[in-house]
Amino acid sequence: MNTKINSVHFKADKKLETFIKEKLDKMPSIYDGVIGSEVTLKVENAEISKNKLVEIRLIIKGYDLFAKKQAKTFEEATDLVSEALKKQLIRHKEKIRGI
């Protein structure tokens, strides 16, 4: 799966990029129509503790699924976003199969 990671106003380290790619590489096992993903990492308002924002657009056949979560760390936000996308993928898969 092709994963494009954009970090806004900072350089994401390889450890974070590897973590994100490992999470997203599990998506095709849920639904085989996953083509790729676009990830955007941002640091929002610096005064609050939950200022790490992760947005993921999952590109699938016919549709794009999108989720955005904010947390204290990028890893935590990535976990939250991947769970939201898994739920969306399962719903999409059931809808296509007519369940």
N, C-alpha and C. Protein backbone atom coordinates (compact mmCIF):
# COMPACT_ATOMS: atom_id res chain seq x y z
N MET A 1 0.85 -1.18 0.00
CA MET A 1 0.00 0.00 0.00
C MET A 1 0.90 1.24 0.00
N ASN A 2 0.53 2.21 -0.79
CA ASN A 2 1.29 3.45 -0.90
C ASN A 2 0.85 4.43 0.19
N THR A 3 1.78 4.85 1.04
CA THR A 3 1.48 5.77 2.13
C THR A 3 2.32 7.02 1.97
N LYS A 4 1.65 8.18 1.93
CA LYS A 4 2.34 9.46 1.82
C LYS A 4 2.16 10.21 3.14
N ILE A 5 3.27 10.59 3.76
CA ILE A 5 3.22 11.27 5.06
C ILE A 5 3.71 12.70 4.90
N ASN A 6 2.87 13.65 5.29
CA ASN A 6 3.22 15.08 5.27
C ASN A 6 3.23 15.60 6.70
N SER A 7 4.33 16.21 7.09
CA SER A 7 4.38 16.85 8.41
C SER A 7 4.46 18.35 8.19
N VAL A 8 3.57 19.09 8.84
CA VAL A 8 3.45 20.52 8.64
C VAL A 8 4.31 21.25 9.67
N HIS A 9 5.27 22.04 9.18
CA HIS A 9 6.15 22.90 10.00
C HIS A 9 7.10 22.13 10.91
N PHE A 10 7.36 20.86 10.64
CA PHE A 10 8.38 20.11 11.36
C PHE A 10 8.75 18.89 10.54
N LYS A 11 9.84 18.24 10.90
CA LYS A 11 10.30 17.04 10.21
C LYS A 11 10.01 15.83 11.09
N ALA A 12 9.18 14.92 10.60
CA ALA A 12 8.85 13.70 11.34
C ALA A 12 10.04 12.75 11.29
N ASP A 13 10.35 12.12 12.41
CA ASP A 13 11.48 11.19 12.43
C ASP A 13 11.07 9.84 11.84
N LYS A 14 12.05 9.04 11.51
CA LYS A 14 11.82 7.74 10.87
C LYS A 14 11.03 6.79 11.76
N LYS A 15 11.24 6.88 13.07
CA LYS A 15 10.52 6.01 14.01
C LYS A 15 9.02 6.26 13.93
N LEU A 16 8.63 7.53 13.90
CA LEU A 16 7.21 7.90 13.80
C LEU A 16 6.64 7.46 12.45
N GLU A 17 7.37 7.70 11.38
CA GLU A 17 6.90 7.30 10.05
C GLU A 17 6.73 5.78 9.95
N THR A 18 7.67 5.04 10.53
CA THR A 18 7.56 3.58 10.53
C THR A 18 6.35 3.12 11.33
N PHE A 19 6.11 3.75 12.47
CA PHE A 19 4.95 3.42 13.31
C PHE A 19 3.66 3.63 12.53
N ILE A 20 3.55 4.76 11.85
CA ILE A 20 2.34 5.08 11.09
C ILE A 20 2.14 4.08 9.94
N LYS A 21 3.22 3.78 9.22
CA LYS A 21 3.12 2.85 8.10
C LYS A 21 2.72 1.45 8.57
N GLU A 22 3.25 1.02 9.72
CA GLU A 22 2.87 -0.29 10.25
C GLU A 22 1.39 -0.35 10.59
N LYS A 23 0.86 0.73 11.16
CA LYS A 23 -0.57 0.78 11.49
C LYS A 23 -1.42 0.72 10.21
N LEU A 24 -1.01 1.48 9.20
CA LEU A 24 -1.81 1.55 7.98
C LEU A 24 -1.65 0.32 7.10
N ASP A 25 -0.54 -0.39 7.22
CA ASP A 25 -0.36 -1.60 6.41
C ASP A 25 -1.31 -2.71 6.82
N LYS A 26 -1.97 -2.59 7.97
CA LYS A 26 -2.94 -3.58 8.41
C LYS A 26 -4.32 -3.37 7.76
N MET A 27 -4.54 -2.21 7.19
CA MET A 27 -5.86 -1.89 6.63
C MET A 27 -6.27 -2.80 5.47
N PRO A 28 -5.37 -3.14 4.53
CA PRO A 28 -5.81 -4.03 3.44
C PRO A 28 -6.25 -5.41 3.91
N SER A 29 -5.85 -5.83 5.10
CA SER A 29 -6.32 -7.12 5.60
C SER A 29 -7.80 -7.06 6.00
N ILE A 30 -8.30 -5.87 6.30
CA ILE A 30 -9.71 -5.70 6.64
C ILE A 30 -10.55 -5.61 5.36
N TYR A 31 -10.04 -4.83 4.40
CA TYR A 31 -10.75 -4.65 3.14
C TYR A 31 -9.71 -4.56 2.03
N ASP A 32 -9.79 -5.45 1.05
CA ASP A 32 -8.74 -5.53 0.04
C ASP A 32 -8.81 -4.43 -1.02
N GLY A 33 -9.79 -3.55 -0.95
CA GLY A 33 -9.91 -2.46 -1.92
C GLY A 33 -9.12 -1.22 -1.55
N VAL A 34 -8.29 -1.30 -0.52
CA VAL A 34 -7.50 -0.15 -0.09
C VAL A 34 -6.36 0.06 -1.08
N ILE A 35 -6.26 1.27 -1.63
CA ILE A 35 -5.25 1.59 -2.62
C ILE A 35 -4.05 2.29 -1.98
N GLY A 36 -4.32 3.26 -1.13
CA GLY A 36 -3.24 4.01 -0.51
C GLY A 36 -3.77 4.90 0.59
N SER A 37 -2.88 5.74 1.13
CA SER A 37 -3.29 6.65 2.19
C SER A 37 -2.44 7.90 2.17
N GLU A 38 -3.03 8.98 2.67
CA GLU A 38 -2.32 10.25 2.83
C GLU A 38 -2.45 10.67 4.29
N VAL A 39 -1.31 10.90 4.93
CA VAL A 39 -1.27 11.24 6.34
C VAL A 39 -0.75 12.66 6.49
N THR A 40 -1.42 13.46 7.32
CA THR A 40 -0.95 14.80 7.63
C THR A 40 -0.76 14.91 9.13
N LEU A 41 0.43 15.33 9.53
CA LEU A 41 0.78 15.51 10.94
C LEU A 41 0.93 17.00 11.21
N LYS A 42 0.26 17.49 12.25
CA LYS A 42 0.31 18.91 12.60
C LYS A 42 0.48 19.07 14.10
N VAL A 43 1.12 20.16 14.49
CA VAL A 43 1.16 20.55 15.89
C VAL A 43 0.27 21.78 15.99
N GLU A 44 -0.85 21.62 16.68
CA GLU A 44 -1.80 22.71 16.81
C GLU A 44 -1.37 23.65 17.94
N ASN A 45 -2.28 24.37 18.48
CA ASN A 45 -2.07 25.35 19.55
C ASN A 45 -1.11 24.81 20.61
N ALA A 46 0.04 25.42 20.76
CA ALA A 46 1.10 24.90 21.64
C ALA A 46 0.78 25.05 23.12
N GLU A 47 -0.21 25.83 23.49
CA GLU A 47 -0.53 26.04 24.90
C GLU A 47 -1.25 24.87 25.55
N ILE A 48 -1.92 24.05 24.75
CA ILE A 48 -2.66 22.93 25.33
C ILE A 48 -1.84 21.65 25.21
N SER A 49 -2.11 20.67 26.07
CA SER A 49 -1.31 19.45 26.09
C SER A 49 -1.66 18.51 24.93
N LYS A 50 -2.92 18.45 24.55
CA LYS A 50 -3.34 17.58 23.44
C LYS A 50 -3.26 18.39 22.14
N ASN A 51 -2.03 18.64 21.68
CA ASN A 51 -1.86 19.50 20.52
C ASN A 51 -1.33 18.78 19.29
N LYS A 52 -1.21 17.46 19.32
CA LYS A 52 -0.73 16.70 18.16
C LYS A 52 -1.93 16.21 17.37
N LEU A 53 -1.99 16.60 16.11
CA LEU A 53 -3.14 16.30 15.25
C LEU A 53 -2.70 15.38 14.11
N VAL A 54 -3.44 14.29 13.92
CA VAL A 54 -3.18 13.35 12.83
C VAL A 54 -4.44 13.25 11.98
N GLU A 55 -4.28 13.49 10.68
CA GLU A 55 -5.37 13.35 9.72
C GLU A 55 -4.96 12.28 8.72
N ILE A 56 -5.84 11.33 8.47
CA ILE A 56 -5.54 10.28 7.50
C ILE A 56 -6.70 10.17 6.51
N ARG A 57 -6.34 10.21 5.23
CA ARG A 57 -7.30 9.96 4.16
C ARG A 57 -6.94 8.62 3.57
N LEU A 58 -7.84 7.67 3.69
CA LEU A 58 -7.63 6.31 3.19
C LEU A 58 -8.29 6.22 1.82
N ILE A 59 -7.50 5.93 0.81
CA ILE A 59 -8.00 5.89 -0.56
C ILE A 59 -8.41 4.45 -0.87
N ILE A 60 -9.71 4.27 -1.14
CA ILE A 60 -10.22 2.95 -1.50
C ILE A 60 -10.97 3.07 -2.82
N LYS A 61 -11.28 1.94 -3.41
CA LYS A 61 -11.97 1.94 -4.69
C LYS A 61 -13.32 2.63 -4.56
N GLY A 62 -13.49 3.71 -5.31
CA GLY A 62 -14.77 4.40 -5.33
C GLY A 62 -14.95 5.49 -4.29
N TYR A 63 -14.29 5.38 -3.15
CA TYR A 63 -14.49 6.34 -2.07
C TYR A 63 -13.15 6.68 -1.42
N ASP A 64 -13.17 7.74 -0.63
CA ASP A 64 -12.07 8.04 0.27
C ASP A 64 -12.65 8.11 1.67
N LEU A 65 -11.99 7.47 2.61
CA LEU A 65 -12.40 7.55 4.01
C LEU A 65 -11.46 8.51 4.71
N PHE A 66 -11.99 9.28 5.66
CA PHE A 66 -11.19 10.30 6.32
C PHE A 66 -11.44 10.25 7.82
N ALA A 67 -10.37 10.42 8.58
CA ALA A 67 -10.48 10.53 10.03
C ALA A 67 -9.42 11.50 10.53
N LYS A 68 -9.76 12.20 11.61
CA LYS A 68 -8.87 13.19 12.19
C LYS A 68 -9.00 13.11 13.70
N LYS A 69 -7.87 12.97 14.39
CA LYS A 69 -7.87 12.87 15.85
C LYS A 69 -6.73 13.71 16.42
N GLN A 70 -6.94 14.16 17.66
CA GLN A 70 -5.96 14.97 18.35
C GLN A 70 -5.65 14.34 19.70
N ALA A 71 -4.36 14.30 20.07
CA ALA A 71 -3.95 13.67 21.33
C ALA A 71 -2.64 14.29 21.81
N LYS A 72 -2.12 13.75 22.93
CA LYS A 72 -0.87 14.27 23.49
C LYS A 72 0.34 13.90 22.65
N THR A 73 0.31 12.72 22.01
CA THR A 73 1.43 12.29 21.17
C THR A 73 0.90 11.89 19.80
N PHE A 74 1.80 11.90 18.82
CA PHE A 74 1.40 11.47 17.48
C PHE A 74 1.06 9.99 17.46
N GLU A 75 1.74 9.19 18.27
CA GLU A 75 1.46 7.76 18.31
C GLU A 75 0.06 7.49 18.84
N GLU A 76 -0.32 8.19 19.90
CA GLU A 76 -1.66 8.02 20.47
C GLU A 76 -2.73 8.47 19.47
N ALA A 77 -2.49 9.59 18.82
CA ALA A 77 -3.45 10.09 17.82
C ALA A 77 -3.55 9.13 16.64
N THR A 78 -2.43 8.54 16.24
CA THR A 78 -2.43 7.56 15.15
C THR A 78 -3.25 6.33 15.53
N ASP A 79 -3.11 5.87 16.77
CA ASP A 79 -3.92 4.74 17.25
C ASP A 79 -5.40 5.06 17.16
N LEU A 80 -5.79 6.25 17.60
CA LEU A 80 -7.19 6.66 17.57
C LEU A 80 -7.72 6.75 16.15
N VAL A 81 -6.92 7.34 15.26
CA VAL A 81 -7.34 7.48 13.87
C VAL A 81 -7.46 6.12 13.19
N SER A 82 -6.50 5.23 13.45
CA SER A 82 -6.55 3.92 12.80
C SER A 82 -7.76 3.12 13.27
N GLU A 83 -8.12 3.25 14.54
CA GLU A 83 -9.33 2.57 15.03
C GLU A 83 -10.59 3.13 14.35
N ALA A 84 -10.65 4.45 14.20
CA ALA A 84 -11.79 5.06 13.53
C ALA A 84 -11.88 4.60 12.07
N LEU A 85 -10.73 4.52 11.40
CA LEU A 85 -10.73 4.08 10.01
C LEU A 85 -11.10 2.60 9.88
N LYS A 86 -10.68 1.78 10.83
CA LYS A 86 -11.06 0.37 10.81
C LYS A 86 -12.57 0.22 10.88
N LYS A 87 -13.20 1.00 11.78
CA LYS A 87 -14.67 0.96 11.89
C LYS A 87 -15.32 1.40 10.58
N GLN A 88 -14.79 2.46 9.96
CA GLN A 88 -15.34 2.94 8.70
C GLN A 88 -15.17 1.89 7.60
N LEU A 89 -14.02 1.24 7.57
CA LEU A 89 -13.78 0.19 6.57
C LEU A 89 -14.73 -0.98 6.73
N ILE A 90 -14.95 -1.39 7.96
CA ILE A 90 -15.86 -2.50 8.23
C ILE A 90 -17.27 -2.13 7.80
N ARG A 91 -17.71 -0.90 8.13
CA ARG A 91 -19.04 -0.45 7.70
C ARG A 91 -19.15 -0.41 6.18
N HIS A 92 -18.10 0.10 5.52
CA HIS A 92 -18.09 0.18 4.06
C HIS A 92 -18.15 -1.22 3.44
N LYS A 93 -17.38 -2.15 3.99
CA LYS A 93 -17.35 -3.53 3.50
C LYS A 93 -18.72 -4.18 3.65
N GLU A 94 -19.36 -3.97 4.80
CA GLU A 94 -20.70 -4.53 5.02
C GLU A 94 -21.73 -3.93 4.09
N LYS A 95 -21.60 -2.63 3.82
CA LYS A 95 -22.52 -1.95 2.94
C LYS A 95 -22.42 -2.50 1.52
N ILE A 96 -21.19 -2.73 1.07
CA ILE A 96 -20.98 -3.26 -0.28
C ILE A 96 -21.53 -4.68 -0.40
N ARG A 97 -21.33 -5.48 0.64
CA ARG A 97 -21.79 -6.86 0.61
C ARG A 97 -23.28 -6.98 0.87
N GLY A 98 -23.92 -5.88 1.26
CA GLY A 98 -25.36 -5.89 1.48
C GLY A 98 -25.80 -6.47 2.81
N ILE A 99 -24.94 -6.38 3.80
CA ILE A 99 -25.29 -6.91 5.14
C ILE A 99 -26.06 -5.89 5.91
